[in-house]
Structures are given as C-alpha cells and as structure tokens.
N, C-alpha and C. Protein backbone atom coordinates (compact mmCIF):
# COMPACT_ATOMS: atom_id res chain seq x y z
N MET A 1 1.04 -1.40 -0.18
CA MET A 1 -0.70 -0.06 -0.27
C MET A 1 0.88 0.58 -0.25
N GLU A 2 0.47 2.12 -1.20
CA GLU A 2 1.19 3.13 -0.91
C GLU A 2 0.84 4.22 -0.51
N THR A 3 1.41 5.98 0.07
CA THR A 3 0.72 6.73 1.23
C THR A 3 0.12 7.14 0.11
N ILE A 4 -1.61 7.46 0.88
CA ILE A 4 -2.64 7.86 0.80
C ILE A 4 -3.11 9.47 0.89
N HIS A 5 -3.21 9.96 0.54
CA HIS A 5 -2.96 12.39 0.50
C HIS A 5 -4.45 12.51 0.67
N LYS A 6 -5.22 12.93 1.37
CA LYS A 6 -7.04 13.95 1.36
C LYS A 6 -5.96 15.42 2.12
N ILE A 7 -7.12 15.91 1.90
CA ILE A 7 -7.14 17.13 1.95
C ILE A 7 -8.70 17.16 2.96
N GLY A 8 -8.57 18.29 4.52
CA GLY A 8 -9.58 18.50 4.87
C GLY A 8 -9.38 19.98 5.29
N ARG A 9 -10.37 20.72 5.12
CA ARG A 9 -11.11 22.28 5.15
C ARG A 9 -12.05 22.67 6.08
N ARG A 10 -11.43 23.27 7.32
CA ARG A 10 -12.92 23.67 8.60
C ARG A 10 -12.92 25.17 8.44
N LYS A 11 -13.48 26.10 8.41
CA LYS A 11 -13.13 27.66 8.66
C LYS A 11 -11.82 28.17 7.51
N THR A 12 -10.58 28.49 8.01
CA THR A 12 -9.79 29.24 7.19
C THR A 12 -8.51 28.01 7.79
N ALA A 13 -9.52 27.30 7.94
CA ALA A 13 -8.11 26.33 9.07
C ALA A 13 -7.80 25.04 7.08
N VAL A 14 -6.84 24.35 7.08
CA VAL A 14 -6.79 23.56 5.71
C VAL A 14 -5.91 22.45 6.62
N ALA A 15 -5.96 21.28 6.69
CA ALA A 15 -4.97 20.42 6.80
C ALA A 15 -4.81 18.96 5.25
N ARG A 16 -3.91 18.50 5.59
CA ARG A 16 -3.19 17.42 4.68
C ARG A 16 -2.82 16.66 5.39
N VAL A 17 -3.22 15.30 5.06
CA VAL A 17 -3.36 14.10 6.07
C VAL A 17 -2.57 12.76 4.70
N TYR A 18 -1.64 12.32 5.31
CA TYR A 18 -0.12 11.19 4.96
C TYR A 18 -0.49 10.17 5.18
N LEU A 19 -1.66 8.89 5.25
CA LEU A 19 -1.60 7.86 5.60
C LEU A 19 -0.65 6.25 4.85
N SER A 20 -0.02 6.27 5.88
CA SER A 20 0.61 4.88 5.59
C SER A 20 0.66 3.87 6.20
N LYS A 21 1.09 2.14 5.93
CA LYS A 21 1.14 1.03 7.03
C LYS A 21 1.61 2.09 7.88
N GLY A 22 1.59 1.15 9.47
CA GLY A 22 2.67 1.57 10.43
C GLY A 22 1.30 1.19 12.32
N LYS A 23 2.00 2.29 13.05
CA LYS A 23 2.02 1.07 13.91
C LYS A 23 0.72 2.43 14.97
N GLY A 24 0.05 2.61 13.60
CA GLY A 24 -0.38 4.33 15.28
C GLY A 24 -0.58 4.85 15.27
N ASN A 25 1.17 5.75 14.60
CA ASN A 25 2.19 7.09 14.76
C ASN A 25 1.25 8.35 14.11
N ILE A 26 1.36 9.10 14.81
CA ILE A 26 0.26 10.40 14.09
C ILE A 26 1.01 11.55 14.78
N THR A 27 1.73 12.62 13.50
CA THR A 27 2.47 13.17 13.53
C THR A 27 2.51 14.44 12.56
N ILE A 28 1.28 15.99 13.48
CA ILE A 28 1.03 16.80 13.32
C ILE A 28 2.19 18.13 13.50
N ASN A 29 2.64 18.76 12.47
CA ASN A 29 3.18 20.24 11.66
C ASN A 29 4.83 19.40 12.54
N LYS A 30 4.85 18.28 12.59
CA LYS A 30 6.10 17.69 12.66
C LYS A 30 6.86 17.71 14.44
N ARG A 31 4.77 17.46 15.16
CA ARG A 31 5.19 17.57 16.13
C ARG A 31 4.20 16.32 16.89
N GLU A 32 4.67 16.47 18.45
CA GLU A 32 4.06 14.83 18.56
C GLU A 32 2.24 14.80 18.95
N PHE A 33 1.33 13.84 18.53
CA PHE A 33 0.00 14.14 18.66
C PHE A 33 -0.75 14.61 19.86
N ASP A 34 0.27 14.09 21.32
CA ASP A 34 -0.75 14.84 22.22
C ASP A 34 -0.03 15.99 22.96
N ASN A 35 1.33 16.54 21.44
CA ASN A 35 2.13 17.26 22.50
C ASN A 35 1.05 18.56 21.34
N TYR A 36 0.82 18.14 20.31
CA TYR A 36 -0.53 19.44 19.82
C TYR A 36 -1.39 19.54 20.32
N PHE A 37 -1.77 18.80 20.30
CA PHE A 37 -3.70 18.82 20.49
C PHE A 37 -3.84 18.13 22.29
N THR A 38 -3.46 19.25 22.92
CA THR A 38 -3.72 18.79 24.50
C THR A 38 -4.83 18.86 25.44
N THR A 39 -6.04 19.55 24.70
CA THR A 39 -6.75 19.20 25.42
C THR A 39 -8.05 17.60 24.65
N PRO A 40 -8.64 16.65 25.90
CA PRO A 40 -8.82 15.72 25.42
C PRO A 40 -10.76 16.21 24.48
N THR A 41 -10.94 17.04 24.30
CA THR A 41 -11.92 16.85 23.10
C THR A 41 -11.22 17.01 21.92
N LEU A 42 -10.17 17.72 21.81
CA LEU A 42 -9.94 17.64 20.84
C LEU A 42 -8.80 16.48 19.87
N ARG A 43 -8.55 16.11 21.09
CA ARG A 43 -8.37 14.66 20.69
C ARG A 43 -8.98 13.37 20.26
N TYR A 44 -10.24 13.74 20.38
CA TYR A 44 -11.40 12.54 20.17
C TYR A 44 -11.60 12.79 19.21
N LYS A 45 -11.66 14.51 18.47
CA LYS A 45 -12.34 14.52 17.78
C LYS A 45 -11.71 13.99 16.11
N VAL A 46 -10.33 14.40 16.65
CA VAL A 46 -8.96 13.60 15.35
C VAL A 46 -9.22 12.16 15.09
N MET A 47 -9.25 11.51 16.18
CA MET A 47 -9.44 10.04 16.44
C MET A 47 -10.55 9.52 15.70
N GLN A 48 -11.83 10.48 16.33
CA GLN A 48 -12.99 9.64 15.36
C GLN A 48 -13.02 8.91 14.85
N PRO A 49 -12.60 9.13 13.03
CA PRO A 49 -12.75 8.73 12.09
C PRO A 49 -12.53 7.38 12.31
N LEU A 50 -10.94 7.69 12.89
CA LEU A 50 -9.87 6.10 12.38
C LEU A 50 -10.61 5.38 13.65
N VAL A 51 -11.22 5.86 15.36
CA VAL A 51 -12.10 4.97 16.36
C VAL A 51 -13.67 3.95 15.69
N MET A 52 -13.85 4.98 14.44
CA MET A 52 -15.03 4.50 13.78
C MET A 52 -15.19 3.26 13.05
N THR A 53 -13.69 3.46 12.38
CA THR A 53 -13.59 2.11 12.02
C THR A 53 -12.12 1.28 11.86
N GLU A 54 -12.04 1.44 13.16
CA GLU A 54 -11.34 0.66 13.36
C GLU A 54 -9.80 0.48 13.33
N ASN A 55 -9.11 1.03 13.00
CA ASN A 55 -8.47 1.52 12.10
C ASN A 55 -7.21 2.39 13.06
N ASP A 56 -6.91 2.91 14.42
CA ASP A 56 -6.53 3.48 15.18
C ASP A 56 -5.02 2.90 15.63
N LYS A 57 -4.72 1.75 15.46
CA LYS A 57 -3.46 1.52 15.59
C LYS A 57 -2.91 0.67 14.52
N SER A 58 -3.35 0.59 12.93
CA SER A 58 -3.49 0.69 11.59
C SER A 58 -2.64 1.09 10.97
N PHE A 59 -1.91 2.21 10.94
CA PHE A 59 -1.99 3.15 10.14
C PHE A 59 -1.43 4.51 10.90
N ASP A 60 0.46 4.31 9.97
CA ASP A 60 0.54 6.32 10.61
C ASP A 60 0.34 7.73 9.85
N ILE A 61 0.21 8.68 10.76
CA ILE A 61 -0.50 8.66 10.43
C ILE A 61 0.95 10.80 9.66
N LYS A 62 0.80 11.08 9.03
CA LYS A 62 1.26 12.69 8.86
C LYS A 62 0.52 13.51 8.79
N VAL A 63 0.52 14.59 9.24
CA VAL A 63 -0.41 15.91 9.30
C VAL A 63 0.76 16.95 8.50
N ASN A 64 -0.07 17.60 7.93
CA ASN A 64 0.38 19.33 7.71
C ASN A 64 -0.50 20.05 7.79
N VAL A 65 -1.22 21.31 8.41
CA VAL A 65 -2.10 22.29 8.99
C VAL A 65 -1.77 23.25 9.62
N PHE A 66 -2.05 24.30 8.48
CA PHE A 66 -2.38 25.66 8.88
C PHE A 66 -3.61 26.32 9.08
N GLY A 67 -3.19 27.53 9.22
CA GLY A 67 -4.42 28.56 9.70
C GLY A 67 -5.36 28.22 10.11
N GLY A 68 -6.31 28.89 10.80
CA GLY A 68 -7.66 29.08 11.93
C GLY A 68 -6.76 29.02 13.14
N GLY A 69 -7.87 28.25 14.38
CA GLY A 69 -7.75 28.06 15.37
C GLY A 69 -7.80 26.55 15.50
N ILE A 70 -7.13 26.56 16.82
CA ILE A 70 -6.64 24.86 17.50
C ILE A 70 -7.59 23.53 16.93
N THR A 71 -9.35 23.78 17.80
CA THR A 71 -11.12 23.48 16.51
C THR A 71 -10.94 23.51 15.52
N GLY A 72 -10.53 24.92 14.86
CA GLY A 72 -10.86 24.23 13.29
C GLY A 72 -9.76 23.61 12.74
N GLN A 73 -9.05 23.43 13.30
CA GLN A 73 -7.75 22.40 12.59
C GLN A 73 -8.01 21.55 12.77
N ALA A 74 -8.44 20.74 14.05
CA ALA A 74 -8.88 19.62 14.78
C ALA A 74 -10.06 19.01 13.35
N GLU A 75 -10.63 19.54 13.22
CA GLU A 75 -11.51 19.52 12.61
C GLU A 75 -11.77 18.81 10.90
N ALA A 76 -10.91 19.88 10.60
CA ALA A 76 -9.95 19.69 9.53
C ALA A 76 -9.50 18.23 9.24
N ILE A 77 -8.51 18.15 10.43
CA ILE A 77 -7.93 16.61 10.51
C ILE A 77 -9.09 15.79 10.35
N ARG A 78 -10.11 15.98 11.56
CA ARG A 78 -11.26 14.63 11.03
C ARG A 78 -11.49 14.44 10.15
N LEU A 79 -11.97 16.31 8.91
CA LEU A 79 -12.35 15.53 7.69
C LEU A 79 -11.87 14.81 6.65
N ALA A 80 -10.04 15.29 6.69
CA ALA A 80 -9.32 14.30 6.25
C ALA A 80 -9.38 13.01 5.86
N LEU A 81 -9.14 12.94 7.71
CA LEU A 81 -9.03 11.39 7.84
C LEU A 81 -10.44 11.11 7.78
N SER A 82 -11.58 11.07 7.31
CA SER A 82 -12.94 10.57 6.50
C SER A 82 -12.77 10.10 5.70
N ARG A 83 -12.42 11.54 5.27
CA ARG A 83 -11.60 11.33 3.71
C ARG A 83 -11.22 10.09 3.48
N ALA A 84 -9.86 9.83 4.00
CA ALA A 84 -9.16 8.40 4.24
C ALA A 84 -9.63 7.33 4.55
N MET A 85 -10.23 7.50 5.26
CA MET A 85 -11.03 6.09 5.28
C MET A 85 -11.86 5.63 4.64
N CYS A 86 -12.49 6.29 3.54
CA CYS A 86 -13.29 6.46 2.89
C CYS A 86 -12.74 5.38 1.43
N THR A 87 -11.91 6.50 1.37
CA THR A 87 -10.65 5.71 0.45
C THR A 87 -10.17 3.98 -0.06
N LEU A 88 -9.71 3.88 1.72
CA LEU A 88 -9.20 2.76 1.71
C LEU A 88 -10.26 1.37 1.91
N ASN A 89 -11.89 1.53 1.94
CA ASN A 89 -11.98 0.78 2.10
C ASN A 89 -13.79 2.05 1.57
N GLU A 90 -14.35 1.63 0.57
CA GLU A 90 -15.50 1.95 0.82
C GLU A 90 -16.75 1.20 1.65
N GLU A 91 -17.12 0.26 2.25
CA GLU A 91 -17.97 0.21 3.26
C GLU A 91 -17.82 0.95 4.54
N ASN A 92 -16.60 2.33 4.66
CA ASN A 92 -16.00 3.22 6.21
C ASN A 92 -17.28 4.12 5.58
N ARG A 93 -17.34 4.28 3.97
CA ARG A 93 -19.04 5.28 3.77
C ARG A 93 -19.68 5.30 4.13
N GLY A 94 -20.60 4.35 5.05
CA GLY A 94 -22.21 3.81 5.19
C GLY A 94 -22.07 4.15 7.01
N ILE A 95 -19.88 4.07 7.68
CA ILE A 95 -20.25 4.39 8.67
C ILE A 95 -20.07 5.67 9.66
N LEU A 96 -19.06 6.32 8.93
CA LEU A 96 -19.07 7.73 8.55
C LEU A 96 -19.98 8.67 8.50
N LYS A 97 -20.82 8.38 7.33
CA LYS A 97 -21.90 9.22 6.62
C LYS A 97 -22.49 9.62 7.88
N PRO A 98 -23.55 9.06 8.01
CA PRO A 98 -24.43 9.36 9.36
C PRO A 98 -23.99 9.44 10.35
N GLU A 99 -22.90 9.84 10.61
CA GLU A 99 -21.93 10.59 11.48
C GLU A 99 -21.88 11.90 11.45
N GLY A 100 -22.24 12.22 10.24
CA GLY A 100 -21.32 13.56 9.26
C GLY A 100 -20.44 13.82 9.51
N LEU A 101 -19.60 13.07 9.12
CA LEU A 101 -18.15 13.67 9.67
C LEU A 101 -17.74 13.14 8.16
N LEU A 102 -18.44 13.28 7.07
CA LEU A 102 -18.00 13.73 5.83
C LEU A 102 -18.11 14.89 5.18
N THR A 103 -19.75 15.41 5.81
CA THR A 103 -19.25 16.60 5.51
C THR A 103 -19.07 17.58 5.76
N ARG A 104 -18.39 18.93 4.41
CA ARG A 104 -17.74 19.98 4.66
C ARG A 104 -18.47 20.60 5.12
N ASP A 105 -18.06 21.40 6.48
CA ASP A 105 -18.72 22.67 6.94
C ASP A 105 -18.47 23.95 6.67
N PRO A 106 -20.36 24.87 6.10
CA PRO A 106 -19.81 25.45 5.11
C PRO A 106 -18.91 27.15 5.66
N ARG A 107 -19.90 26.80 6.79
CA ARG A 107 -19.49 28.03 7.53
C ARG A 107 -18.66 29.50 7.52
N MET A 108 -18.58 29.85 7.29
CA MET A 108 -17.26 30.37 7.57
C MET A 108 -17.72 32.22 8.36
N VAL A 109 -16.11 32.05 8.65
CA VAL A 109 -16.67 34.59 9.51
C VAL A 109 -17.30 34.90 7.92
N GLU A 110 -18.47 35.77 8.96
CA GLU A 110 -19.08 36.83 7.75
C GLU A 110 -18.13 38.10 7.66
N ARG A 111 -17.64 38.89 6.59
CA ARG A 111 -16.62 40.04 5.98
C ARG A 111 -17.76 41.35 7.06
N LYS A 112 -16.43 41.48 6.99
CA LYS A 112 -17.20 43.53 7.57
C LYS A 112 -17.68 43.77 7.24
N LYS A 113 -18.30 44.62 6.56
CA LYS A 113 -18.78 45.84 5.83
C LYS A 113 -18.67 46.93 6.45
N PHE A 114 -17.97 48.86 6.03
CA PHE A 114 -17.82 49.74 5.58
C PHE A 114 -19.44 49.99 6.22
N GLY A 115 -19.30 51.12 7.40
CA GLY A 115 -20.11 52.13 7.73
C GLY A 115 -20.22 51.64 9.15
N GLN A 116 -20.03 50.15 9.67
CA GLN A 116 -20.62 49.29 10.78
C GLN A 116 -19.12 49.46 11.74
N LYS A 117 -19.60 48.80 12.58
CA LYS A 117 -18.76 47.90 13.06
C LYS A 117 -17.59 46.92 13.74
N LYS A 118 -18.87 46.11 13.35
CA LYS A 118 -18.33 44.36 12.92
C LYS A 118 -19.36 44.19 11.42
N ALA A 119 -19.68 43.15 11.33
CA ALA A 119 -20.38 42.38 10.18
C ALA A 119 -21.80 43.02 10.59
N ARG A 120 -22.09 43.11 11.64
CA ARG A 120 -23.80 42.71 11.61
C ARG A 120 -23.45 43.86 12.70
N LYS A 121 -22.64 44.21 13.65
CA LYS A 121 -22.96 45.34 14.64
C LYS A 121 -22.90 46.69 13.96
N LYS A 122 -24.08 47.49 14.58
CA LYS A 122 -24.04 49.00 13.81
C LYS A 122 -23.58 50.31 14.60
N PHE A 123 -22.88 50.90 14.07
CA PHE A 123 -22.20 52.44 14.87
C PHE A 123 -23.54 52.36 16.17
N GLN A 124 -23.36 53.10 17.27
CA GLN A 124 -24.23 53.68 18.26
C GLN A 124 -24.87 54.57 17.30
N PHE A 125 -26.39 54.64 17.02
CA PHE A 125 -27.02 55.74 16.62
C PHE A 125 -27.83 57.11 17.84
N SER A 126 -27.34 58.36 17.77
CA SER A 126 -27.77 59.36 18.05
C SER A 126 -28.93 60.14 17.50
N LYS A 127 -29.98 59.90 18.39
CA LYS A 127 -31.08 60.51 17.82
C LYS A 127 -30.72 62.53 17.79
N ARG A 128 -30.08 62.74 18.73
CA ARG A 128 -29.64 64.30 18.74
C ARG A 128 -28.31 64.25 19.00
C-alpha cells in the first residue's frame, strides 16, 4: 500500500493528511499528537474516524495543518481522515456518513461591512 493523501478544510484551517501502514503514530506539523492537541476533546475529534472504523492502531499518519484556530484545525484533520478511510475501504462510508463526518462544514466568518462596527453590529445611533 502506498501513501494516501487527502485534504480537509474547516473555516480557514487546511489539513493535508498522509496515511501509510504502521503502528498508529500520529505526527502533526512535525510534533507529537499529544503535544499538539492538549485537550481530550480535540484528541477525541481527531481520533473519531479512526476509532469508528477500527483503524486507530494500523496506520501511521503525518499531518500538515495551517490556518485557523486549534479547534478548526482538529475538525479539518477529522474531515481529511474520514475521506482517507473512505478511499481505503468503501464500506467505511456507511459508518462515517450518518455521523456527519464526511460533510464539509460551510460556515465561515462573515466579512465586516463599511459604515458598520462589525459584520452585523452597527455604530451607536444618536437621534440628537
């Protein structure tokens, strides 16, 4: 098996995932998995597609991720891993799709408009 390469995005975060046969080592931006994601919630989000398809100990994963915040990066990695699991075995699609792991979340930050304080907030109105 050669390396599987998939891309996942969330808000402004972009994650490139490289999947190869191994013992379950995960490297993110040349750092160890536990050092990069310190909270258990973020670790769970990243591991979710691997645990659901029972592949958490059978692949070495190398990830390059940039942009956005730490949560957006974790969700981008989750999407990329879900896509990689589907190319690995088409039956995994039936497991991941009902959980919503194959859907790209389209929500982005709304731009600030001129003449306003923020995207929706206006400057204070003075009648007199």
